[in-house]
Amino acid sequence: MLPESKIKDIIIAKITQDEDLGDQVGGSGHLGYISYIIDSIHKPERVQIDDDDDGWKITYTYTLVVETEFTYYPDNPPREYKYKKTIIIDDNGKIISESPKEITNSPFSPPVL
């Protein structure tokens, strides 16, 4: 099994690839910034990929944090969107398959603090 630090690096790279992070400008011209927090990384599970190969199933949850020029505490905190995703990697850390990300909170629910 890969070390925890390598698994975390793979997840960071995957989130960075999947999400549009950093400075943003909306259609109205207002500035924003999108960042992320890894909430949890579940213990890897050994799974069979095909007849000859095994891999590691890793499920993780993360939060996208959307700050705008109007973000201020406590009245207008950043919006938070929580997601869950599962990837399967081989023994070298290459992603073999992945699930679509699942929303674990509604964008219309109040932010989790």
PDB file of N, CA and C in Angstrom:
ATOM      1  N   MET A   1       0.844  -1.182   0.000  1.00  0.00           N
ATOM      2  CA  MET A   1       0.000   0.000   0.000  1.00  0.00           C
ATOM      3  C   MET A   1       0.886   1.241   0.000  1.00  0.00           C
ATOM      4  N   LEU A   2       0.405   2.292  -0.631  1.00  0.00           N
ATOM      5  CA  LEU A   2       1.134   3.553  -0.683  1.00  0.00           C
ATOM      6  C   LEU A   2       1.088   4.245   0.675  1.00  0.00           C
ATOM      7  N   PRO A   3       2.114   5.037   0.988  1.00  0.00           N
ATOM      8  CA  PRO A   3       2.078   5.795   2.248  1.00  0.00           C
ATOM      9  C   PRO A   3       0.955   6.842   2.229  1.00  0.00           C
ATOM     10  N   GLU A   4       0.490   7.211   3.426  1.00  0.00           N
ATOM     11  CA  GLU A   4      -0.599   8.193   3.551  1.00  0.00           C
ATOM     12  C   GLU A   4      -0.274   9.506   2.847  1.00  0.00           C
ATOM     13  N   SER A   5       0.982   9.934   2.925  1.00  0.00           N
ATOM     14  CA  SER A   5       1.374  11.205   2.307  1.00  0.00           C
ATOM     15  C   SER A   5       1.219  11.137   0.786  1.00  0.00           C
ATOM     16  N   LYS A   6       1.529  10.002   0.180  1.00  0.00           N
ATOM     17  CA  LYS A   6       1.390   9.829  -1.265  1.00  0.00           C
ATOM     18  C   LYS A   6      -0.090   9.812  -1.653  1.00  0.00           C
ATOM     19  N   ILE A   7      -0.906   9.137  -0.854  1.00  0.00           N
ATOM     20  CA  ILE A   7      -2.349   9.107  -1.114  1.00  0.00           C
ATOM     21  C   ILE A   7      -2.924  10.519  -1.037  1.00  0.00           C
ATOM     22  N   LYS A   8      -2.505  11.274  -0.036  1.00  0.00           N
ATOM     23  CA  LYS A   8      -2.982  12.659   0.096  1.00  0.00           C
ATOM     24  C   LYS A   8      -2.546  13.498  -1.100  1.00  0.00           C
ATOM     25  N   ASP A   9      -1.317  13.297  -1.576  1.00  0.00           N
ATOM     26  CA  ASP A   9      -0.838  14.031  -2.759  1.00  0.00           C
ATOM     27  C   ASP A   9      -1.681  13.705  -3.990  1.00  0.00           C
ATOM     28  N   ILE A  10      -2.064  12.437  -4.146  1.00  0.00           N
ATOM     29  CA  ILE A  10      -2.906  12.023  -5.274  1.00  0.00           C
ATOM     30  C   ILE A  10      -4.265  12.710  -5.185  1.00  0.00           C
ATOM     31  N   ILE A  11      -4.832  12.762  -3.990  1.00  0.00           N
ATOM     32  CA  ILE A  11      -6.142  13.394  -3.798  1.00  0.00           C
ATOM     33  C   ILE A  11      -6.057  14.900  -4.053  1.00  0.00           C
ATOM     34  N   ILE A  12      -5.012  15.539  -3.561  1.00  0.00           N
ATOM     35  CA  ILE A  12      -4.828  16.978  -3.806  1.00  0.00           C
ATOM     36  C   ILE A  12      -4.737  17.248  -5.305  1.00  0.00           C
ATOM     37  N   ALA A  13      -3.962  16.430  -6.014  1.00  0.00           N
ATOM     38  CA  ALA A  13      -3.829  16.602  -7.462  1.00  0.00           C
ATOM     39  C   ALA A  13      -5.173  16.404  -8.161  1.00  0.00           C
ATOM     40  N   LYS A  14      -5.971  15.436  -7.693  1.00  0.00           N
ATOM     41  CA  LYS A  14      -7.265  15.163  -8.309  1.00  0.00           C
ATOM     42  C   LYS A  14      -8.246  16.318  -8.079  1.00  0.00           C
ATOM     43  N   ILE A  15      -8.284  16.846  -6.862  1.00  0.00           N
ATOM     44  CA  ILE A  15      -9.162  17.984  -6.577  1.00  0.00           C
ATOM     45  C   ILE A  15      -8.740  19.192  -7.416  1.00  0.00           C
ATOM     46  N   THR A  16      -7.447  19.438  -7.482  1.00  0.00           N
ATOM     47  CA  THR A  16      -6.927  20.568  -8.255  1.00  0.00           C
ATOM     48  C   THR A  16      -7.282  20.418  -9.734  1.00  0.00           C
ATOM     49  N   GLN A  17      -7.248  19.189 -10.242  1.00  0.00           N
ATOM     50  CA  GLN A  17      -7.595  18.925 -11.636  1.00  0.00           C
ATOM     51  C   GLN A  17      -9.095  19.092 -11.872  1.00  0.00           C
ATOM     52  N   ASP A  18      -9.917  18.630 -10.950  1.00  0.00           N
ATOM     53  CA  ASP A  18     -11.376  18.618 -11.131  1.00  0.00           C
ATOM     54  C   ASP A  18     -12.037  19.971 -10.909  1.00  0.00           C
ATOM     55  N   GLU A  19     -11.498  20.763 -10.006  1.00  0.00           N
ATOM     56  CA  GLU A  19     -12.174  22.001  -9.596  1.00  0.00           C
ATOM     57  C   GLU A  19     -11.476  23.228 -10.168  1.00  0.00           C
ATOM     58  N   ASP A  20     -12.240  24.274 -10.353  1.00  0.00           N
ATOM     59  CA  ASP A  20     -11.713  25.546 -10.846  1.00  0.00           C
ATOM     60  C   ASP A  20     -11.357  26.396  -9.625  1.00  0.00           C
ATOM     61  N   LEU A  21     -10.128  26.261  -9.158  1.00  0.00           N
ATOM     62  CA  LEU A  21      -9.693  26.907  -7.918  1.00  0.00           C
ATOM     63  C   LEU A  21      -9.017  28.245  -8.191  1.00  0.00           C
ATOM     64  N   GLY A  22      -8.921  29.044  -7.145  1.00  0.00           N
ATOM     65  CA  GLY A  22      -8.187  30.301  -7.229  1.00  0.00           C
ATOM     66  C   GLY A  22      -9.099  31.476  -7.492  1.00  0.00           C
ATOM     67  N   ASP A  23      -8.489  32.543  -7.998  1.00  0.00           N
ATOM     68  CA  ASP A  23      -9.222  33.780  -8.268  1.00  0.00           C
ATOM     69  C   ASP A  23     -10.246  33.572  -9.373  1.00  0.00           C
ATOM     70  N   GLN A  24     -11.421  34.168  -9.191  1.00  0.00           N
ATOM     71  CA  GLN A  24     -12.514  34.065 -10.152  1.00  0.00           C
ATOM     72  C   GLN A  24     -13.127  35.437 -10.352  1.00  0.00           C
ATOM     73  N   VAL A  25     -13.687  35.650 -11.541  1.00  0.00           N
ATOM     74  CA  VAL A  25     -14.465  36.850 -11.812  1.00  0.00           C
ATOM     75  C   VAL A  25     -15.803  36.385 -12.349  1.00  0.00           C
ATOM     76  N   GLY A  26     -16.874  36.763 -11.653  1.00  0.00           N
ATOM     77  CA  GLY A  26     -18.208  36.356 -12.066  1.00  0.00           C
ATOM     78  C   GLY A  26     -18.702  37.153 -13.251  1.00  0.00           C
ATOM     79  N   GLY A  27     -19.842  36.763 -13.757  1.00  0.00           N
ATOM     80  CA  GLY A  27     -20.432  37.446 -14.902  1.00  0.00           C
ATOM     81  C   GLY A  27     -20.730  38.907 -14.635  1.00  0.00           C
ATOM     82  N   SER A  28     -20.944  39.247 -13.377  1.00  0.00           N
ATOM     83  CA  SER A  28     -21.231  40.642 -13.031  1.00  0.00           C
ATOM     84  C   SER A  28     -19.950  41.435 -12.770  1.00  0.00           C
ATOM     85  N   GLY A  29     -18.806  40.767 -12.862  1.00  0.00           N
ATOM     86  CA  GLY A  29     -17.541  41.456 -12.651  1.00  0.00           C
ATOM     87  C   GLY A  29     -17.060  41.438 -11.212  1.00  0.00           C
ATOM     88  N   HIS A  30     -17.795  40.786 -10.316  1.00  0.00           N
ATOM     89  CA  HIS A  30     -17.385  40.725  -8.920  1.00  0.00           C
ATOM     90  C   HIS A  30     -16.305  39.670  -8.725  1.00  0.00           C
ATOM     91  N   LEU A  31     -15.393  39.950  -7.823  1.00  0.00           N
ATOM     92  CA  LEU A  31     -14.267  39.064  -7.568  1.00  0.00           C
ATOM     93  C   LEU A  31     -14.633  37.976  -6.574  1.00  0.00           C
ATOM     94  N   GLY A  32     -14.001  36.835  -6.738  1.00  0.00           N
ATOM     95  CA  GLY A  32     -14.194  35.729  -5.816  1.00  0.00           C
ATOM     96  C   GLY A  32     -12.939  34.885  -5.750  1.00  0.00           C
ATOM     97  N   TYR A  33     -12.905  34.000  -4.786  1.00  0.00           N
ATOM     98  CA  TYR A  33     -11.770  33.091  -4.631  1.00  0.00           C
ATOM     99  C   TYR A  33     -12.311  31.742  -4.172  1.00  0.00           C
ATOM    100  N   ILE A  34     -11.891  30.672  -4.846  1.00  0.00           N
ATOM    101  CA  ILE A  34     -12.350  29.330  -4.496  1.00  0.00           C
ATOM    102  C   ILE A  34     -11.162  28.518  -3.990  1.00  0.00           C
ATOM    103  N   SER A  35     -11.319  27.958  -2.795  1.00  0.00           N
ATOM    104  CA  SER A  35     -10.290  27.104  -2.211  1.00  0.00           C
ATOM    105  C   SER A  35     -10.967  25.824  -1.734  1.00  0.00           C
ATOM    106  N   TYR A  36     -10.179  24.905  -1.194  1.00  0.00           N
ATOM    107  CA  TYR A  36     -10.745  23.648  -0.724  1.00  0.00           C
ATOM    108  C   TYR A  36     -10.126  23.230   0.597  1.00  0.00           C
ATOM    109  N   ILE A  37     -10.848  22.370   1.291  1.00  0.00           N
ATOM    110  CA  ILE A  37     -10.382  21.747   2.530  1.00  0.00           C
ATOM    111  C   ILE A  37     -10.680  20.255   2.394  1.00  0.00           C
ATOM    112  N   ILE A  38      -9.690  19.407   2.631  1.00  0.00           N
ATOM    113  CA  ILE A  38      -9.947  17.974   2.656  1.00  0.00           C
ATOM    114  C   ILE A  38     -10.513  17.653   4.033  1.00  0.00           C
ATOM    115  N   ASP A  39     -11.738  17.150   4.065  1.00  0.00           N
ATOM    116  CA  ASP A  39     -12.405  16.857   5.331  1.00  0.00           C
ATOM    117  C   ASP A  39     -12.013  15.491   5.875  1.00  0.00           C
ATOM    118  N   SER A  40     -11.963  14.489   4.998  1.00  0.00           N
ATOM    119  CA  SER A  40     -11.602  13.143   5.461  1.00  0.00           C
ATOM    120  C   SER A  40     -11.095  12.312   4.296  1.00  0.00           C
ATOM    121  N   ILE A  41     -10.227  11.371   4.632  1.00  0.00           N
ATOM    122  CA  ILE A  41      -9.762  10.365   3.690  1.00  0.00           C
ATOM    123  C   ILE A  41     -10.012   9.024   4.370  1.00  0.00           C
ATOM    124  N   HIS A  42     -10.893   8.235   3.802  1.00  0.00           N
ATOM    125  CA  HIS A  42     -11.223   6.945   4.393  1.00  0.00           C
ATOM    126  C   HIS A  42     -10.078   5.965   4.170  1.00  0.00           C
ATOM    127  N   LYS A  43      -9.998   4.984   5.018  1.00  0.00           N
ATOM    128  CA  LYS A  43      -8.951   3.975   4.917  1.00  0.00           C
ATOM    129  C   LYS A  43      -9.063   3.258   3.569  1.00  0.00           C
ATOM    130  N   PRO A  44      -7.954   3.143   2.825  1.00  0.00           N
ATOM    131  CA  PRO A  44      -7.996   2.450   1.533  1.00  0.00           C
ATOM    132  C   PRO A  44      -8.428   0.995   1.683  1.00  0.00           C
ATOM    133  N   GLU A  45      -9.228   0.524   0.716  1.00  0.00           N
ATOM    134  CA  GLU A  45      -9.692  -0.860   0.692  1.00  0.00           C
ATOM    135  C   GLU A  45      -9.126  -1.538  -0.552  1.00  0.00           C
ATOM    136  N   ARG A  46      -8.635  -2.751  -0.384  1.00  0.00           N
ATOM    137  CA  ARG A  46      -8.108  -3.520  -1.515  1.00  0.00           C
ATOM    138  C   ARG A  46      -9.286  -4.024  -2.347  1.00  0.00           C
ATOM    139  N   VAL A  47      -9.248  -3.795  -3.667  1.00  0.00           N
ATOM    140  CA  VAL A  47     -10.314  -4.239  -4.561  1.00  0.00           C
ATOM    141  C   VAL A  47      -9.698  -4.897  -5.789  1.00  0.00           C
ATOM    142  N   GLN A  48     -10.450  -5.775  -6.401  1.00  0.00           N
ATOM    143  CA  GLN A  48      -9.985  -6.428  -7.620  1.00  0.00           C
ATOM    144  C   GLN A  48     -10.393  -5.595  -8.819  1.00  0.00           C
ATOM    145  N   ILE A  49      -9.399  -5.251  -9.644  1.00  0.00           N
ATOM    146  CA  ILE A  49      -9.646  -4.428 -10.830  1.00  0.00           C
ATOM    147  C   ILE A  49     -10.082  -5.311 -11.994  1.00  0.00           C
ATOM    148  N   ASP A  50      -9.306  -6.342 -12.244  1.00  0.00           N
ATOM    149  CA  ASP A  50      -9.656  -7.340 -13.260  1.00  0.00           C
ATOM    150  C   ASP A  50      -9.083  -8.683 -12.806  1.00  0.00           C
ATOM    151  N   ASP A  51      -9.052  -9.653 -13.692  1.00  0.00           N
ATOM    152  CA  ASP A  51      -8.614 -10.990 -13.297  1.00  0.00           C
ATOM    153  C   ASP A  51      -7.180 -11.027 -12.786  1.00  0.00           C
ATOM    154  N   ASP A  52      -6.339 -10.123 -13.270  1.00  0.00           N
ATOM    155  CA  ASP A  52      -4.918 -10.170 -12.935  1.00  0.00           C
ATOM    156  C   ASP A  52      -4.461  -9.111 -11.940  1.00  0.00           C
ATOM    157  N   ASP A  53      -5.212  -8.040 -11.788  1.00  0.00           N
ATOM    158  CA  ASP A  53      -4.725  -6.905 -11.001  1.00  0.00           C
ATOM    159  C   ASP A  53      -5.678  -6.528  -9.873  1.00  0.00           C
ATOM    160  N   ASP A  54      -5.070  -6.030  -8.803  1.00  0.00           N
ATOM    161  CA  ASP A  54      -5.802  -5.456  -7.681  1.00  0.00           C
ATOM    162  C   ASP A  54      -5.477  -3.969  -7.612  1.00  0.00           C
ATOM    163  N   GLY A  55      -6.303  -3.251  -6.901  1.00  0.00           N
ATOM    164  CA  GLY A  55      -6.065  -1.828  -6.702  1.00  0.00           C
ATOM    165  C   GLY A  55      -6.557  -1.409  -5.332  1.00  0.00           C
ATOM    166  N   TRP A  56      -6.549  -0.121  -5.102  1.00  0.00           N
ATOM    167  CA  TRP A  56      -6.971   0.440  -3.819  1.00  0.00           C
ATOM    168  C   TRP A  56      -8.124   1.408  -4.053  1.00  0.00           C
ATOM    169  N   LYS A  57      -9.224   1.169  -3.354  1.00  0.00           N
ATOM    170  CA  LYS A  57     -10.391   2.053  -3.399  1.00  0.00           C
ATOM    171  C   LYS A  57     -10.254   3.054  -2.268  1.00  0.00           C
ATOM    172  N   ILE A  58     -10.271   4.338  -2.630  1.00  0.00           N
ATOM    173  CA  ILE A  58     -10.107   5.405  -1.638  1.00  0.00           C
ATOM    174  C   ILE A  58     -11.271   6.386  -1.782  1.00  0.00           C
ATOM    175  N   THR A  59     -12.006   6.568  -0.712  1.00  0.00           N
ATOM    176  CA  THR A  59     -13.101   7.533  -0.679  1.00  0.00           C
ATOM    177  C   THR A  59     -12.660   8.714   0.167  1.00  0.00           C
ATOM    178  N   TYR A  60     -12.952   9.909  -0.330  1.00  0.00           N
ATOM    179  CA  TYR A  60     -12.576  11.115   0.417  1.00  0.00           C
ATOM    180  C   TYR A  60     -13.688  12.150   0.309  1.00  0.00           C
ATOM    181  N   THR A  61     -13.723  13.036   1.283  1.00  0.00           N
ATOM    182  CA  THR A  61     -14.676  14.138   1.278  1.00  0.00           C
ATOM    183  C   THR A  61     -13.898  15.440   1.345  1.00  0.00           C
ATOM    184  N   TYR A  62     -14.453  16.446   0.692  1.00  0.00           N
ATOM    185  CA  TYR A  62     -13.792  17.758   0.706  1.00  0.00           C
ATOM    186  C   TYR A  62     -14.838  18.862   0.607  1.00  0.00           C
ATOM    187  N   THR A  63     -14.414  20.048   0.985  1.00  0.00           N
ATOM    188  CA  THR A  63     -15.282  21.219   0.972  1.00  0.00           C
ATOM    189  C   THR A  63     -14.689  22.268   0.060  1.00  0.00           C
ATOM    190  N   LEU A  64     -15.484  22.782  -0.869  1.00  0.00           N
ATOM    191  CA  LEU A  64     -15.086  23.950  -1.646  1.00  0.00           C
ATOM    192  C   LEU A  64     -15.576  25.182  -0.900  1.00  0.00           C
ATOM    193  N   VAL A  65     -14.702  26.133  -0.720  1.00  0.00           N
ATOM    194  CA  VAL A  65     -15.024  27.362   0.003  1.00  0.00           C
ATOM    195  C   VAL A  65     -15.002  28.505  -1.009  1.00  0.00           C
ATOM    196  N   VAL A  66     -16.134  29.181  -1.156  1.00  0.00           N
ATOM    197  CA  VAL A  66     -16.265  30.271  -2.114  1.00  0.00           C
ATOM    198  C   VAL A  66     -16.364  31.587  -1.353  1.00  0.00           C
ATOM    199  N   GLU A  67     -15.321  32.387  -1.490  1.00  0.00           N
ATOM    200  CA  GLU A  67     -15.298  33.713  -0.871  1.00  0.00           C
ATOM    201  C   GLU A  67     -15.466  34.755  -1.976  1.00  0.00           C
ATOM    202  N   THR A  68     -16.185  35.815  -1.662  1.00  0.00           N
ATOM    203  CA  THR A  68     -16.344  36.912  -2.615  1.00  0.00           C
ATOM    204  C   THR A  68     -15.905  38.205  -1.942  1.00  0.00           C
ATOM    205  N   GLU A  69     -15.927  39.261  -2.711  1.00  0.00           N
ATOM    206  CA  GLU A  69     -15.563  40.553  -2.132  1.00  0.00           C
ATOM    207  C   GLU A  69     -16.583  41.005  -1.090  1.00  0.00           C
ATOM    208  N   PHE A  70     -17.727  40.310  -1.028  1.00  0.00           N
ATOM    209  CA  PHE A  70     -18.756  40.641  -0.050  1.00  0.00           C
ATOM    210  C   PHE A  70     -18.722  39.726   1.172  1.00  0.00           C
ATOM    211  N   THR A  71     -17.752  38.820   1.231  1.00  0.00           N
ATOM    212  CA  THR A  71     -17.651  37.890   2.354  1.00  0.00           C
ATOM    213  C   THR A  71     -17.132  38.620   3.580  1.00  0.00           C
ATOM    214  N   TYR A  72     -17.865  38.502   4.665  1.00  0.00           N
ATOM    215  CA  TYR A  72     -17.400  39.022   5.952  1.00  0.00           C
ATOM    216  C   TYR A  72     -18.143  38.285   7.051  1.00  0.00           C
ATOM    217  N   TYR A  73     -17.462  38.119   8.152  1.00  0.00           N
ATOM    218  CA  TYR A  73     -18.037  37.394   9.297  1.00  0.00           C
ATOM    219  C   TYR A  73     -18.655  38.375  10.256  1.00  0.00           C
ATOM    220  N   PRO A  74     -19.694  38.047  10.970  1.00  0.00           N
ATOM    221  CA  PRO A  74     -20.449  36.795  10.908  1.00  0.00           C
ATOM    222  C   PRO A  74     -21.632  36.861   9.950  1.00  0.00           C
ATOM    223  N   ASP A  75     -21.905  38.043   9.406  1.00  0.00           N
ATOM    224  CA  ASP A  75     -23.150  38.225   8.655  1.00  0.00           C
ATOM    225  C   ASP A  75     -23.169  37.578   7.271  1.00  0.00           C
ATOM    226  N   ASN A  76     -22.054  37.531   6.588  1.00  0.00           N
ATOM    227  CA  ASN A  76     -22.021  36.978   5.236  1.00  0.00           C
ATOM    228  C   ASN A  76     -20.788  36.088   5.071  1.00  0.00           C
ATOM    229  N   PRO A  77     -20.805  34.919   5.708  1.00  0.00           N
ATOM    230  CA  PRO A  77     -19.637  34.025   5.630  1.00  0.00           C
ATOM    231  C   PRO A  77     -19.501  33.433   4.221  1.00  0.00           C
ATOM    232  N   PRO A  78     -18.376  32.821   3.925  1.00  0.00           N
ATOM    233  CA  PRO A  78     -18.227  32.196   2.603  1.00  0.00           C
ATOM    234  C   PRO A  78     -19.207  31.042   2.423  1.00  0.00           C
ATOM    235  N   ARG A  79     -19.521  30.739   1.176  1.00  0.00           N
ATOM    236  CA  ARG A  79     -20.367  29.581   0.883  1.00  0.00           C
ATOM    237  C   ARG A  79     -19.496  28.342   0.881  1.00  0.00           C
ATOM    238  N   GLU A  80     -20.045  27.264   1.381  1.00  0.00           N
ATOM    239  CA  GLU A  80     -19.306  26.004   1.437  1.00  0.00           C
ATOM    240  C   GLU A  80     -20.127  24.914   0.766  1.00  0.00           C
ATOM    241  N   TYR A  81     -19.468  24.180  -0.110  1.00  0.00           N
ATOM    242  CA  TYR A  81     -20.096  23.072  -0.825  1.00  0.00           C
ATOM    243  C   TYR A  81     -19.297  21.811  -0.515  1.00  0.00           C
ATOM    244  N   LYS A  82     -19.960  20.817   0.012  1.00  0.00           N
ATOM    245  CA  LYS A  82     -19.291  19.586   0.448  1.00  0.00           C
ATOM    246  C   LYS A  82     -19.515  18.472  -0.575  1.00  0.00           C
ATOM    247  N   TYR A  83     -18.428  17.746  -0.861  1.00  0.00           N
ATOM    248  CA  TYR A  83     -18.474  16.688  -1.867  1.00  0.00           C
ATOM    249  C   TYR A  83     -17.812  15.418  -1.351  1.00  0.00           C
ATOM    250  N   LYS A  84     -18.206  14.314  -1.965  1.00  0.00           N
ATOM    251  CA  LYS A  84     -17.620  13.003  -1.672  1.00  0.00           C
ATOM    252  C   LYS A  84     -17.248  12.380  -3.014  1.00  0.00           C
ATOM    253  N   LYS A  85     -16.084  11.740  -3.065  1.00  0.00           N
ATOM    254  CA  LYS A  85     -15.621  11.124  -4.302  1.00  0.00           C
ATOM    255  C   LYS A  85     -14.851   9.858  -3.972  1.00  0.00           C
ATOM    256  N   THR A  86     -14.896   8.894  -4.871  1.00  0.00           N
ATOM    257  CA  THR A  86     -14.148   7.650  -4.720  1.00  0.00           C
ATOM    258  C   THR A  86     -13.268   7.456  -5.942  1.00  0.00           C
ATOM    259  N   ILE A  87     -12.012   7.110  -5.706  1.00  0.00           N
ATOM    260  CA  ILE A  87     -11.092   6.787  -6.781  1.00  0.00           C
ATOM    261  C   ILE A  87     -10.531   5.389  -6.534  1.00  0.00           C
ATOM    262  N   ILE A  88     -10.117   4.742  -7.588  1.00  0.00           N
ATOM    263  CA  ILE A  88      -9.399   3.476  -7.477  1.00  0.00           C
ATOM    264  C   ILE A  88      -8.041   3.680  -8.111  1.00  0.00           C
ATOM    265  N   ILE A  89      -6.991   3.379  -7.338  1.00  0.00           N
ATOM    266  CA  ILE A  89      -5.632   3.553  -7.829  1.00  0.00           C
ATOM    267  C   ILE A  89      -4.921   2.200  -7.860  1.00  0.00           C
ATOM    268  N   ASP A  90      -3.901   2.116  -8.708  1.00  0.00           N
ATOM    269  CA  ASP A  90      -3.090   0.900  -8.714  1.00  0.00           C
ATOM    270  C   ASP A  90      -1.984   1.027  -7.669  1.00  0.00           C
ATOM    271  N   ASP A  91      -1.132   0.024  -7.577  1.00  0.00           N
ATOM    272  CA  ASP A  91      -0.070   0.035  -6.558  1.00  0.00           C
ATOM    273  C   ASP A  91       0.963   1.127  -6.778  1.00  0.00           C
ATOM    274  N   ASN A  92       0.985   1.720  -7.984  1.00  0.00           N
ATOM    275  CA  ASN A  92       1.921   2.808  -8.276  1.00  0.00           C
ATOM    276  C   ASN A  92       1.306   4.188  -8.061  1.00  0.00           C
ATOM    277  N   GLY A  93       0.022   4.229  -7.738  1.00  0.00           N
ATOM    278  CA  GLY A  93      -0.642   5.504  -7.482  1.00  0.00           C
ATOM    279  C   GLY A  93      -1.353   6.086  -8.682  1.00  0.00           C
ATOM    280  N   LYS A  94      -1.422   5.349  -9.782  1.00  0.00           N
ATOM    281  CA  LYS A  94      -2.129   5.836 -10.972  1.00  0.00           C
ATOM    282  C   LYS A  94      -3.628   5.608 -10.783  1.00  0.00           C
ATOM    283  N   ILE A  95      -4.411   6.631 -11.078  1.00  0.00           N
ATOM    284  CA  ILE A  95      -5.861   6.526 -10.962  1.00  0.00           C
ATOM    285  C   ILE A  95      -6.393   5.695 -12.122  1.00  0.00           C
ATOM    286  N   ILE A  96      -7.076   4.607 -11.770  1.00  0.00           N
ATOM    287  CA  ILE A  96      -7.619   3.678 -12.760  1.00  0.00           C
ATOM    288  C   ILE A  96      -9.065   4.017 -13.071  1.00  0.00           C
ATOM    289  N   SER A  97      -9.829   4.355 -12.040  1.00  0.00           N
ATOM    290  CA  SER A  97     -11.224   4.755 -12.246  1.00  0.00           C
ATOM    291  C   SER A  97     -11.634   5.694 -11.126  1.00  0.00           C
ATOM    292  N   GLU A  98     -12.742   6.360 -11.360  1.00  0.00           N
ATOM    293  CA  GLU A  98     -13.251   7.311 -10.366  1.00  0.00           C
ATOM    294  C   GLU A  98     -14.757   7.405 -10.469  1.00  0.00           C
ATOM    295  N   SER A  99     -15.373   7.759  -9.363  1.00  0.00           N
ATOM    296  CA  SER A  99     -16.815   7.985  -9.352  1.00  0.00           C
ATOM    297  C   SER A  99     -17.068   9.467  -9.608  1.00  0.00           C
ATOM    298  N   PRO A 100     -18.273   9.810 -10.065  1.00  0.00           N
ATOM    299  CA  PRO A 100     -18.619  11.236 -10.108  1.00  0.00           C
ATOM    300  C   PRO A 100     -18.672  11.768  -8.676  1.00  0.00           C
ATOM    301  N   LYS A 101     -18.382  13.035  -8.514  1.00  0.00           N
ATOM    302  CA  LYS A 101     -18.466  13.582  -7.157  1.00  0.00           C
ATOM    303  C   LYS A 101     -19.927  13.683  -6.747  1.00  0.00           C
ATOM    304  N   GLU A 102     -20.174  13.414  -5.477  1.00  0.00           N
ATOM    305  CA  GLU A 102     -21.512  13.495  -4.915  1.00  0.00           C
ATOM    306  C   GLU A 102     -21.595  14.725  -4.025  1.00  0.00           C
ATOM    307  N   ILE A 103     -22.678  15.464  -4.138  1.00  0.00           N
ATOM    308  CA  ILE A 103     -22.897  16.597  -3.243  1.00  0.00           C
ATOM    309  C   ILE A 103     -23.402  16.043  -1.922  1.00  0.00           C
ATOM    310  N   THR A 104     -22.741  16.399  -0.826  1.00  0.00           N
ATOM    311  CA  THR A 104     -23.179  15.895   0.477  1.00  0.00           C
ATOM    312  C   THR A 104     -23.897  16.963   1.290  1.00  0.00           C
ATOM    313  N   ASN A 105     -24.034  18.155   0.734  1.00  0.00           N
ATOM    314  CA  ASN A 105     -24.890  19.169   1.346  1.00  0.00           C
ATOM    315  C   ASN A 105     -25.543  19.954   0.227  1.00  0.00           C
ATOM    316  N   SER A 106     -26.650  20.544   0.493  1.00  0.00           N
ATOM    317  CA  SER A 106     -27.350  21.345  -0.506  1.00  0.00           C
ATOM    318  C   SER A 106     -26.728  22.724  -0.588  1.00  0.00           C
ATOM    319  N   PRO A 107     -26.547  23.262  -1.795  1.00  0.00           N
ATOM    320  CA  PRO A 107     -26.015  24.627  -1.887  1.00  0.00           C
ATOM    321  C   PRO A 107     -26.933  25.674  -1.282  1.00  0.00           C
ATOM    322  N   PHE A 108     -28.167  25.271  -0.999  1.00  0.00           N
ATOM    323  CA  PHE A 108     -29.108  26.219  -0.413  1.00  0.00           C
ATOM    324  C   PHE A 108     -29.202  26.100   1.097  1.00  0.00           C
ATOM    325  N   SER A 109     -28.471  25.137   1.670  1.00  0.00           N
ATOM    326  CA  SER A 109     -28.472  25.010   3.120  1.00  0.00           C
ATOM    327  C   SER A 109     -27.487  26.008   3.704  1.00  0.00           C
ATOM    328  N   PRO A 110     -27.659  26.372   4.955  1.00  0.00           N
ATOM    329  CA  PRO A 110     -26.738  27.339   5.555  1.00  0.00           C
ATOM    330  C   PRO A 110     -25.333  26.757   5.630  1.00  0.00           C
ATOM    331  N   PRO A 111     -24.308  27.607   5.537  1.00  0.00           N
ATOM    332  CA  PRO A 111     -22.930  27.115   5.587  1.00  0.00           C
ATOM    333  C   PRO A 111     -22.647  26.379   6.896  1.00  0.00           C
ATOM    334  N   VAL A 112     -21.796  25.385   6.826  1.00  0.00           N
ATOM    335  CA  VAL A 112     -21.379  24.633   7.999  1.00  0.00           C
ATOM    336  C   VAL A 112     -20.188  25.350   8.600  1.00  0.00           C
ATOM    337  N   LEU A 113     -20.296  25.726   9.851  1.00  0.00           N
ATOM    338  CA  LEU A 113     -19.189  26.456  10.490  1.00  0.00           C
ATOM    339  C   LEU A 113     -18.463  25.596  11.472  1.00  0.00           C
TER     340      LEU A 113
END
